[in-house]
């Protein structure tokens, strides 16, 4: 899956009450996209995505950083991008 969902410069991450949220700063009004709640893994993926890393580069970086099998972290990365698509990002 291509992680170039929309213009990444439109997105920000915020933390509140121990949770992370990804939101589109261009959205306004009552029909805006809801912020995507994320756990720490989602935060790590989103942070790398916002640095314009490819899906493969994100998997490689997180696999190395956390000493996790690339196939396992790949499932999380693909799930993250699937959630973004599902929520209209």
PDB file of N, CA and C in Angstrom:
ATOM      1  N   UNK A   1       0.849  -1.186   0.000  1.00  0.00           N
ATOM      2  CA  UNK A   1       0.000   0.000   0.000  1.00  0.00           C
ATOM      3  C   UNK A   1       0.882   1.233   0.000  1.00  0.00           C
ATOM      4  N   UNK A   2       0.524   2.199  -0.759  1.00  0.00           N
ATOM      5  CA  UNK A   2       1.267   3.443  -0.813  1.00  0.00           C
ATOM      6  C   UNK A   2       0.870   4.304   0.377  1.00  0.00           C
ATOM      7  N   UNK A   3       1.865   4.774   1.125  1.00  0.00           N
ATOM      8  CA  UNK A   3       1.531   5.563   2.307  1.00  0.00           C
ATOM      9  C   UNK A   3       1.372   7.042   2.001  1.00  0.00           C
ATOM     10  N   UNK A   4       1.384   7.424   0.741  1.00  0.00           N
ATOM     11  CA  UNK A   4       1.171   8.816   0.376  1.00  0.00           C
ATOM     12  C   UNK A   4      -0.338   9.063   0.272  1.00  0.00           C
ATOM     13  N   UNK A   5      -0.997   9.130   1.412  1.00  0.00           N
ATOM     14  CA  UNK A   5      -2.444   9.189   1.454  1.00  0.00           C
ATOM     15  C   UNK A   5      -2.966  10.541   0.988  1.00  0.00           C
ATOM     16  N   UNK A   6      -2.465  11.571   1.534  1.00  0.00           N
ATOM     17  CA  UNK A   6      -2.766  12.939   1.144  1.00  0.00           C
ATOM     18  C   UNK A   6      -1.522  13.753   1.420  1.00  0.00           C
ATOM     19  N   UNK A   7      -1.609  15.014   1.317  1.00  0.00           N
ATOM     20  CA  UNK A   7      -0.475  15.879   1.595  1.00  0.00           C
ATOM     21  C   UNK A   7      -0.104  15.770   3.073  1.00  0.00           C
ATOM     22  N   UNK A   8       1.035  15.152   3.358  1.00  0.00           N
ATOM     23  CA  UNK A   8       1.398  14.906   4.754  1.00  0.00           C
ATOM     24  C   UNK A   8       1.602  16.185   5.545  1.00  0.00           C
ATOM     25  N   UNK A   9       1.847  17.296   4.862  1.00  0.00           N
ATOM     26  CA  UNK A   9       2.024  18.550   5.595  1.00  0.00           C
ATOM     27  C   UNK A   9       0.720  19.023   6.235  1.00  0.00           C
ATOM     28  N   UNK A  10      -0.401  18.399   5.880  1.00  0.00           N
ATOM     29  CA  UNK A  10      -1.697  18.757   6.464  1.00  0.00           C
ATOM     30  C   UNK A  10      -1.948  18.085   7.809  1.00  0.00           C
ATOM     31  N   UNK A  11      -1.065  17.195   8.236  1.00  0.00           N
ATOM     32  CA  UNK A  11      -1.326  16.388   9.418  1.00  0.00           C
ATOM     33  C   UNK A  11      -0.436  16.751  10.589  1.00  0.00           C
ATOM     34  N   UNK A  12      -0.985  16.606  11.776  1.00  0.00           N
ATOM     35  CA  UNK A  12      -0.254  16.841  13.016  1.00  0.00           C
ATOM     36  C   UNK A  12      -0.614  15.735  14.002  1.00  0.00           C
ATOM     37  N   UNK A  13       0.274  15.549  14.956  1.00  0.00           N
ATOM     38  CA  UNK A  13       0.038  14.597  16.037  1.00  0.00           C
ATOM     39  C   UNK A  13      -0.002  15.392  17.330  1.00  0.00           C
ATOM     40  N   UNK A  14      -0.945  15.055  18.174  1.00  0.00           N
ATOM     41  CA  UNK A  14      -1.018  15.680  19.485  1.00  0.00           C
ATOM     42  C   UNK A  14      -1.170  14.580  20.532  1.00  0.00           C
ATOM     43  N   UNK A  15      -0.832  14.906  21.754  1.00  0.00           N
ATOM     44  CA  UNK A  15      -0.993  13.961  22.862  1.00  0.00           C
ATOM     45  C   UNK A  15      -1.925  14.577  23.882  1.00  0.00           C
ATOM     46  N   UNK A  16      -2.841  13.767  24.368  1.00  0.00           N
ATOM     47  CA  UNK A  16      -3.765  14.213  25.411  1.00  0.00           C
ATOM     48  C   UNK A  16      -4.132  13.012  26.267  1.00  0.00           C
ATOM     49  N   UNK A  17      -4.005  13.165  27.554  1.00  0.00           N
ATOM     50  CA  UNK A  17      -4.389  12.128  28.514  1.00  0.00           C
ATOM     51  C   UNK A  17      -3.722  10.786  28.212  1.00  0.00           C
ATOM     52  N   UNK A  18      -2.456  10.841  27.826  1.00  0.00           N
ATOM     53  CA  UNK A  18      -1.717   9.615  27.576  1.00  0.00           C
ATOM     54  C   UNK A  18      -2.021   8.929  26.265  1.00  0.00           C
ATOM     55  N   UNK A  19      -2.808   9.545  25.409  1.00  0.00           N
ATOM     56  CA  UNK A  19      -3.136   9.000  24.077  1.00  0.00           C
ATOM     57  C   UNK A  19      -2.607   9.956  23.026  1.00  0.00           C
ATOM     58  N   UNK A  20      -2.406   9.436  21.858  1.00  0.00           N
ATOM     59  CA  UNK A  20      -1.950  10.228  20.727  1.00  0.00           C
ATOM     60  C   UNK A  20      -3.072  10.308  19.703  1.00  0.00           C
ATOM     61  N   UNK A  21      -3.124  11.433  19.001  1.00  0.00           N
ATOM     62  CA  UNK A  21      -4.151  11.636  17.991  1.00  0.00           C
ATOM     63  C   UNK A  21      -3.527  12.252  16.749  1.00  0.00           C
ATOM     64  N   UNK A  22      -3.879  11.703  15.598  1.00  0.00           N
ATOM     65  CA  UNK A  22      -3.469  12.258  14.318  1.00  0.00           C
ATOM     66  C   UNK A  22      -4.664  13.015  13.776  1.00  0.00           C
ATOM     67  N   UNK A  23      -4.441  14.236  13.339  1.00  0.00           N
ATOM     68  CA  UNK A  23      -5.558  15.000  12.793  1.00  0.00           C
ATOM     69  C   UNK A  23      -5.102  15.835  11.605  1.00  0.00           C
ATOM     70  N   UNK A  24      -6.061  16.169  10.771  1.00  0.00           N
ATOM     71  CA  UNK A  24      -5.844  16.977   9.572  1.00  0.00           C
ATOM     72  C   UNK A  24      -6.118  18.432   9.946  1.00  0.00           C
ATOM     73  N   UNK A  25      -5.092  19.262   9.869  1.00  0.00           N
ATOM     74  CA  UNK A  25      -5.245  20.655  10.294  1.00  0.00           C
ATOM     75  C   UNK A  25      -6.036  21.495   9.308  1.00  0.00           C
ATOM     76  N   UNK A  26      -6.326  20.952   8.123  1.00  0.00           N
ATOM     77  CA  UNK A  26      -7.100  21.713   7.135  1.00  0.00           C
ATOM     78  C   UNK A  26      -8.597  21.484   7.271  1.00  0.00           C
ATOM     79  N   UNK A  27      -8.984  20.509   8.063  1.00  0.00           N
ATOM     80  CA  UNK A  27     -10.403  20.172   8.227  1.00  0.00           C
ATOM     81  C   UNK A  27     -11.091  21.177   9.137  1.00  0.00           C
ATOM     82  N   UNK A  28     -12.264  21.624   8.717  1.00  0.00           N
ATOM     83  CA  UNK A  28     -13.048  22.561   9.518  1.00  0.00           C
ATOM     84  C   UNK A  28     -14.527  22.214   9.376  1.00  0.00           C
ATOM     85  N   UNK A  29     -15.301  22.696  10.283  1.00  0.00           N
ATOM     86  CA  UNK A  29     -16.742  22.536  10.190  1.00  0.00           C
ATOM     87  C   UNK A  29     -17.239  21.218  10.749  1.00  0.00           C
ATOM     88  N   UNK A  30     -18.549  21.052  10.708  1.00  0.00           N
ATOM     89  CA  UNK A  30     -19.160  19.885  11.354  1.00  0.00           C
ATOM     90  C   UNK A  30     -18.870  18.554  10.650  1.00  0.00           C
ATOM     91  N   UNK A  31     -18.450  18.564   9.403  1.00  0.00           N
ATOM     92  CA  UNK A  31     -18.210  17.316   8.682  1.00  0.00           C
ATOM     93  C   UNK A  31     -16.722  16.972   8.599  1.00  0.00           C
ATOM     94  N   UNK A  32     -15.931  17.537   9.514  1.00  0.00           N
ATOM     95  CA  UNK A  32     -14.487  17.283   9.497  1.00  0.00           C
ATOM     96  C   UNK A  32     -14.174  15.823   9.844  1.00  0.00           C
ATOM     97  N   UNK A  33     -13.008  15.379   9.372  1.00  0.00           N
ATOM     98  CA  UNK A  33     -12.543  14.035   9.727  1.00  0.00           C
ATOM     99  C   UNK A  33     -12.221  14.013  11.211  1.00  0.00           C
ATOM    100  N   UNK A  34     -12.636  12.964  11.867  1.00  0.00           N
ATOM    101  CA  UNK A  34     -12.329  12.833  13.287  1.00  0.00           C
ATOM    102  C   UNK A  34     -10.849  12.496  13.446  1.00  0.00           C
ATOM    103  N   UNK A  35     -10.230  13.004  14.508  1.00  0.00           N
ATOM    104  CA  UNK A  35      -8.838  12.627  14.756  1.00  0.00           C
ATOM    105  C   UNK A  35      -8.718  11.108  14.936  1.00  0.00           C
ATOM    106  N   UNK A  36      -7.611  10.566  14.473  1.00  0.00           N
ATOM    107  CA  UNK A  36      -7.362   9.133  14.597  1.00  0.00           C
ATOM    108  C   UNK A  36      -6.648   8.883  15.916  1.00  0.00           C
ATOM    109  N   UNK A  37      -7.295   8.186  16.867  1.00  0.00           N
ATOM    110  CA  UNK A  37      -6.602   7.863  18.119  1.00  0.00           C
ATOM    111  C   UNK A  37      -5.560   6.779  17.860  1.00  0.00           C
ATOM    112  N   UNK A  38      -4.413   6.918  18.522  1.00  0.00           N
ATOM    113  CA  UNK A  38      -3.321   5.979  18.302  1.00  0.00           C
ATOM    114  C   UNK A  38      -2.679   5.576  19.621  1.00  0.00           C
ATOM    115  N   UNK A  39      -2.170   4.357  19.650  1.00  0.00           N
ATOM    116  CA  UNK A  39      -1.329   3.930  20.759  1.00  0.00           C
ATOM    117  C   UNK A  39       0.111   4.325  20.435  1.00  0.00           C
ATOM    118  N   UNK A  40       1.061   3.878  21.234  1.00  0.00           N
ATOM    119  CA  UNK A  40       2.456   4.263  21.019  1.00  0.00           C
ATOM    120  C   UNK A  40       2.983   3.750  19.673  1.00  0.00           C
ATOM    121  N   UNK A  41       2.598   2.551  19.289  1.00  0.00           N
ATOM    122  CA  UNK A  41       3.032   2.012  18.000  1.00  0.00           C
ATOM    123  C   UNK A  41       2.503   2.876  16.860  1.00  0.00           C
ATOM    124  N   UNK A  42       1.232   3.233  16.925  1.00  0.00           N
ATOM    125  CA  UNK A  42       0.646   4.114  15.915  1.00  0.00           C
ATOM    126  C   UNK A  42       1.354   5.453  15.867  1.00  0.00           C
ATOM    127  N   UNK A  43       1.706   5.966  17.038  1.00  0.00           N
ATOM    128  CA  UNK A  43       2.441   7.231  17.112  1.00  0.00           C
ATOM    129  C   UNK A  43       3.787   7.107  16.395  1.00  0.00           C
ATOM    130  N   UNK A  44       4.494   6.011  16.663  1.00  0.00           N
ATOM    131  CA  UNK A  44       5.794   5.806  16.027  1.00  0.00           C
ATOM    132  C   UNK A  44       5.656   5.709  14.503  1.00  0.00           C
ATOM    133  N   UNK A  45       4.648   4.985  14.046  1.00  0.00           N
ATOM    134  CA  UNK A  45       4.406   4.844  12.606  1.00  0.00           C
ATOM    135  C   UNK A  45       4.060   6.203  12.001  1.00  0.00           C
ATOM    136  N   UNK A  46       3.135   6.922  12.629  1.00  0.00           N
ATOM    137  CA  UNK A  46       2.703   8.219  12.105  1.00  0.00           C
ATOM    138  C   UNK A  46       3.845   9.219  12.075  1.00  0.00           C
ATOM    139  N   UNK A  47       4.680   9.212  13.095  1.00  0.00           N
ATOM    140  CA  UNK A  47       5.814  10.130  13.137  1.00  0.00           C
ATOM    141  C   UNK A  47       6.749   9.892  11.951  1.00  0.00           C
ATOM    142  N   UNK A  48       7.026   8.633  11.651  1.00  0.00           N
ATOM    143  CA  UNK A  48       7.894   8.310  10.515  1.00  0.00           C
ATOM    144  C   UNK A  48       7.199   8.629   9.195  1.00  0.00           C
ATOM    145  N   UNK A  49       5.903   8.368   9.114  1.00  0.00           N
ATOM    146  CA  UNK A  49       5.131   8.679   7.904  1.00  0.00           C
ATOM    147  C   UNK A  49       5.173  10.183   7.632  1.00  0.00           C
ATOM    148  N   UNK A  50       5.030  10.993   8.686  1.00  0.00           N
ATOM    149  CA  UNK A  50       5.043  12.442   8.515  1.00  0.00           C
ATOM    150  C   UNK A  50       6.437  12.963   8.146  1.00  0.00           C
ATOM    151  N   UNK A  51       7.437  12.123   8.310  1.00  0.00           N
ATOM    152  CA  UNK A  51       8.790  12.453   7.837  1.00  0.00           C
ATOM    153  C   UNK A  51       8.981  11.978   6.400  1.00  0.00           C
ATOM    154  N   UNK A  52       7.888  11.511   5.783  1.00  0.00           N
ATOM    155  CA  UNK A  52       7.854  11.093   4.381  1.00  0.00           C
ATOM    156  C   UNK A  52       8.616   9.801   4.109  1.00  0.00           C
ATOM    157  N   UNK A  53       8.698   8.921   5.110  1.00  0.00           N
ATOM    158  CA  UNK A  53       9.295   7.612   4.891  1.00  0.00           C
ATOM    159  C   UNK A  53       8.281   6.695   4.221  1.00  0.00           C
ATOM    160  N   UNK A  54       8.776   5.805   3.391  1.00  0.00           N
ATOM    161  CA  UNK A  54       7.906   4.832   2.739  1.00  0.00           C
ATOM    162  C   UNK A  54       7.497   3.760   3.742  1.00  0.00           C
ATOM    163  N   UNK A  55       6.494   2.982   3.371  1.00  0.00           N
ATOM    164  CA  UNK A  55       6.053   1.880   4.212  1.00  0.00           C
ATOM    165  C   UNK A  55       7.215   0.930   4.499  1.00  0.00           C
ATOM    166  N   UNK A  56       7.976   0.594   3.478  1.00  0.00           N
ATOM    167  CA  UNK A  56       9.118  -0.306   3.663  1.00  0.00           C
ATOM    168  C   UNK A  56      10.155   0.288   4.608  1.00  0.00           C
ATOM    169  N   UNK A  57      10.434   1.578   4.475  1.00  0.00           N
ATOM    170  CA  UNK A  57      11.412   2.236   5.343  1.00  0.00           C
ATOM    171  C   UNK A  57      10.914   2.290   6.787  1.00  0.00           C
ATOM    172  N   UNK A  58       9.616   2.502   6.972  1.00  0.00           N
ATOM    173  CA  UNK A  58       9.031   2.527   8.315  1.00  0.00           C
ATOM    174  C   UNK A  58       9.173   1.156   8.965  1.00  0.00           C
ATOM    175  N   UNK A  59       8.856   0.104   8.217  1.00  0.00           N
ATOM    176  CA  UNK A  59       8.970  -1.261   8.742  1.00  0.00           C
ATOM    177  C   UNK A  59      10.411  -1.554   9.130  1.00  0.00           C
ATOM    178  N   UNK A  60      11.335  -1.225   8.265  1.00  0.00           N
ATOM    179  CA  UNK A  60      12.754  -1.484   8.537  1.00  0.00           C
ATOM    180  C   UNK A  60      13.220  -0.725   9.780  1.00  0.00           C
ATOM    181  N   UNK A  61      12.863   0.553   9.873  1.00  0.00           N
ATOM    182  CA  UNK A  61      13.280   1.384  11.009  1.00  0.00           C
ATOM    183  C   UNK A  61      12.712   0.860  12.321  1.00  0.00           C
ATOM    184  N   UNK A  62      11.411   0.571  12.358  1.00  0.00           N
ATOM    185  CA  UNK A  62      10.791   0.105  13.605  1.00  0.00           C
ATOM    186  C   UNK A  62      11.253  -1.294  13.973  1.00  0.00           C
ATOM    187  N   UNK A  63      11.458  -2.142  12.981  1.00  0.00           N
ATOM    188  CA  UNK A  63      11.955  -3.493  13.240  1.00  0.00           C
ATOM    189  C   UNK A  63      13.315  -3.425  13.917  1.00  0.00           C
ATOM    190  N   UNK A  64      14.163  -2.565  13.413  1.00  0.00           N
ATOM    191  CA  UNK A  64      15.501  -2.392  13.983  1.00  0.00           C
ATOM    192  C   UNK A  64      15.438  -1.724  15.358  1.00  0.00           C
ATOM    193  N   UNK A  65      14.627  -0.691  15.466  1.00  0.00           N
ATOM    194  CA  UNK A  65      14.531   0.082  16.708  1.00  0.00           C
ATOM    195  C   UNK A  65      14.030  -0.771  17.873  1.00  0.00           C
ATOM    196  N   UNK A  66      13.041  -1.616  17.608  1.00  0.00           N
ATOM    197  CA  UNK A  66      12.435  -2.400  18.682  1.00  0.00           C
ATOM    198  C   UNK A  66      12.829  -3.873  18.658  1.00  0.00           C
ATOM    199  N   UNK A  67      13.731  -4.238  17.736  1.00  0.00           N
ATOM    200  CA  UNK A  67      14.175  -5.624  17.595  1.00  0.00           C
ATOM    201  C   UNK A  67      12.977  -6.568  17.467  1.00  0.00           C
ATOM    202  N   UNK A  68      12.099  -6.226  16.520  1.00  0.00           N
ATOM    203  CA  UNK A  68      10.883  -6.998  16.243  1.00  0.00           C
ATOM    204  C   UNK A  68      10.980  -7.527  14.821  1.00  0.00           C
ATOM    205  N   UNK A  69      10.460  -8.715  14.608  1.00  0.00           N
ATOM    206  CA  UNK A  69      10.432  -9.317  13.279  1.00  0.00           C
ATOM    207  C   UNK A  69       9.762  -8.355  12.298  1.00  0.00           C
ATOM    208  N   UNK A  70      10.376  -8.099  11.141  1.00  0.00           N
ATOM    209  CA  UNK A  70       9.781  -7.177  10.160  1.00  0.00           C
ATOM    210  C   UNK A  70       8.378  -7.591   9.718  1.00  0.00           C
ATOM    211  N   UNK A  71       8.101  -8.901   9.661  1.00  0.00           N
ATOM    212  CA  UNK A  71       6.755  -9.332   9.272  1.00  0.00           C
ATOM    213  C   UNK A  71       5.718  -8.897  10.308  1.00  0.00           C
ATOM    214  N   UNK A  72       6.081  -8.982  11.594  1.00  0.00           N
ATOM    215  CA  UNK A  72       5.153  -8.599  12.660  1.00  0.00           C
ATOM    216  C   UNK A  72       4.893  -7.094  12.654  1.00  0.00           C
ATOM    217  N   UNK A  73       5.962  -6.305  12.602  1.00  0.00           N
ATOM    218  CA  UNK A  73       5.770  -4.855  12.595  1.00  0.00           C
ATOM    219  C   UNK A  73       5.110  -4.422  11.283  1.00  0.00           C
ATOM    220  N   UNK A  74       5.351  -5.186  10.212  1.00  0.00           N
ATOM    221  CA  UNK A  74       4.708  -4.895   8.929  1.00  0.00           C
ATOM    222  C   UNK A  74       3.197  -4.990   9.021  1.00  0.00           C
ATOM    223  N   UNK A  75       2.708  -5.950   9.812  1.00  0.00           N
ATOM    224  CA  UNK A  75       1.257  -6.082  10.026  1.00  0.00           C
ATOM    225  C   UNK A  75       0.712  -4.820  10.669  1.00  0.00           C
ATOM    226  N   UNK A  76       1.434  -4.298  11.667  1.00  0.00           N
ATOM    227  CA  UNK A  76       0.991  -3.084  12.353  1.00  0.00           C
ATOM    228  C   UNK A  76       1.010  -1.877  11.418  1.00  0.00           C
ATOM    229  N   UNK A  77       2.060  -1.783  10.610  1.00  0.00           N
ATOM    230  CA  UNK A  77       2.180  -0.656   9.687  1.00  0.00           C
ATOM    231  C   UNK A  77       1.062  -0.704   8.646  1.00  0.00           C
ATOM    232  N   UNK A  78       0.821  -1.870   8.082  1.00  0.00           N
ATOM    233  CA  UNK A  78      -0.256  -1.996   7.085  1.00  0.00           C
ATOM    234  C   UNK A  78      -1.620  -1.715   7.716  1.00  0.00           C
ATOM    235  N   UNK A  79      -1.817  -2.158   8.942  1.00  0.00           N
ATOM    236  CA  UNK A  79      -3.071  -1.890   9.648  1.00  0.00           C
ATOM    237  C   UNK A  79      -3.250  -0.380   9.877  1.00  0.00           C
ATOM    238  N   UNK A  80      -2.175   0.297  10.221  1.00  0.00           N
ATOM    239  CA  UNK A  80      -2.223   1.745  10.422  1.00  0.00           C
ATOM    240  C   UNK A  80      -2.691   2.443   9.154  1.00  0.00           C
ATOM    241  N   UNK A  81      -2.063   2.108   8.010  1.00  0.00           N
ATOM    242  CA  UNK A  81      -2.444   2.761   6.757  1.00  0.00           C
ATOM    243  C   UNK A  81      -3.843   2.361   6.317  1.00  0.00           C
ATOM    244  N   UNK A  82      -4.245   1.151   6.628  1.00  0.00           N
ATOM    245  CA  UNK A  82      -5.613   0.720   6.338  1.00  0.00           C
ATOM    246  C   UNK A  82      -6.608   1.561   7.139  1.00  0.00           C
ATOM    247  N   UNK A  83      -6.291   1.806   8.412  1.00  0.00           N
ATOM    248  CA  UNK A  83      -7.157   2.645   9.247  1.00  0.00           C
ATOM    249  C   UNK A  83      -7.238   4.070   8.693  1.00  0.00           C
ATOM    250  N   UNK A  84      -6.108   4.588   8.225  1.00  0.00           N
ATOM    251  CA  UNK A  84      -6.123   5.935   7.639  1.00  0.00           C
ATOM    252  C   UNK A  84      -7.059   5.988   6.436  1.00  0.00           C
ATOM    253  N   UNK A  85      -6.946   4.990   5.563  1.00  0.00           N
ATOM    254  CA  UNK A  85      -7.816   4.949   4.377  1.00  0.00           C
ATOM    255  C   UNK A  85      -9.279   4.837   4.789  1.00  0.00           C
ATOM    256  N   UNK A  86      -9.561   3.963   5.746  1.00  0.00           N
ATOM    257  CA  UNK A  86     -10.931   3.730   6.192  1.00  0.00           C
ATOM    258  C   UNK A  86     -11.541   5.012   6.761  1.00  0.00           C
ATOM    259  N   UNK A  87     -10.720   5.812   7.417  1.00  0.00           N
ATOM    260  CA  UNK A  87     -11.227   7.045   8.041  1.00  0.00           C
ATOM    261  C   UNK A  87     -11.190   8.238   7.088  1.00  0.00           C
ATOM    262  N   UNK A  88     -10.793   8.007   5.840  1.00  0.00           N
ATOM    263  CA  UNK A  88     -10.836   9.074   4.861  1.00  0.00           C
ATOM    264  C   UNK A  88      -9.614   9.964   4.787  1.00  0.00           C
ATOM    265  N   UNK A  89      -8.524   9.538   5.387  1.00  0.00           N
ATOM    266  CA  UNK A  89      -7.281  10.324   5.317  1.00  0.00           C
ATOM    267  C   UNK A  89      -6.578  10.088   4.012  1.00  0.00           C
TER     268      UNK A  89
END
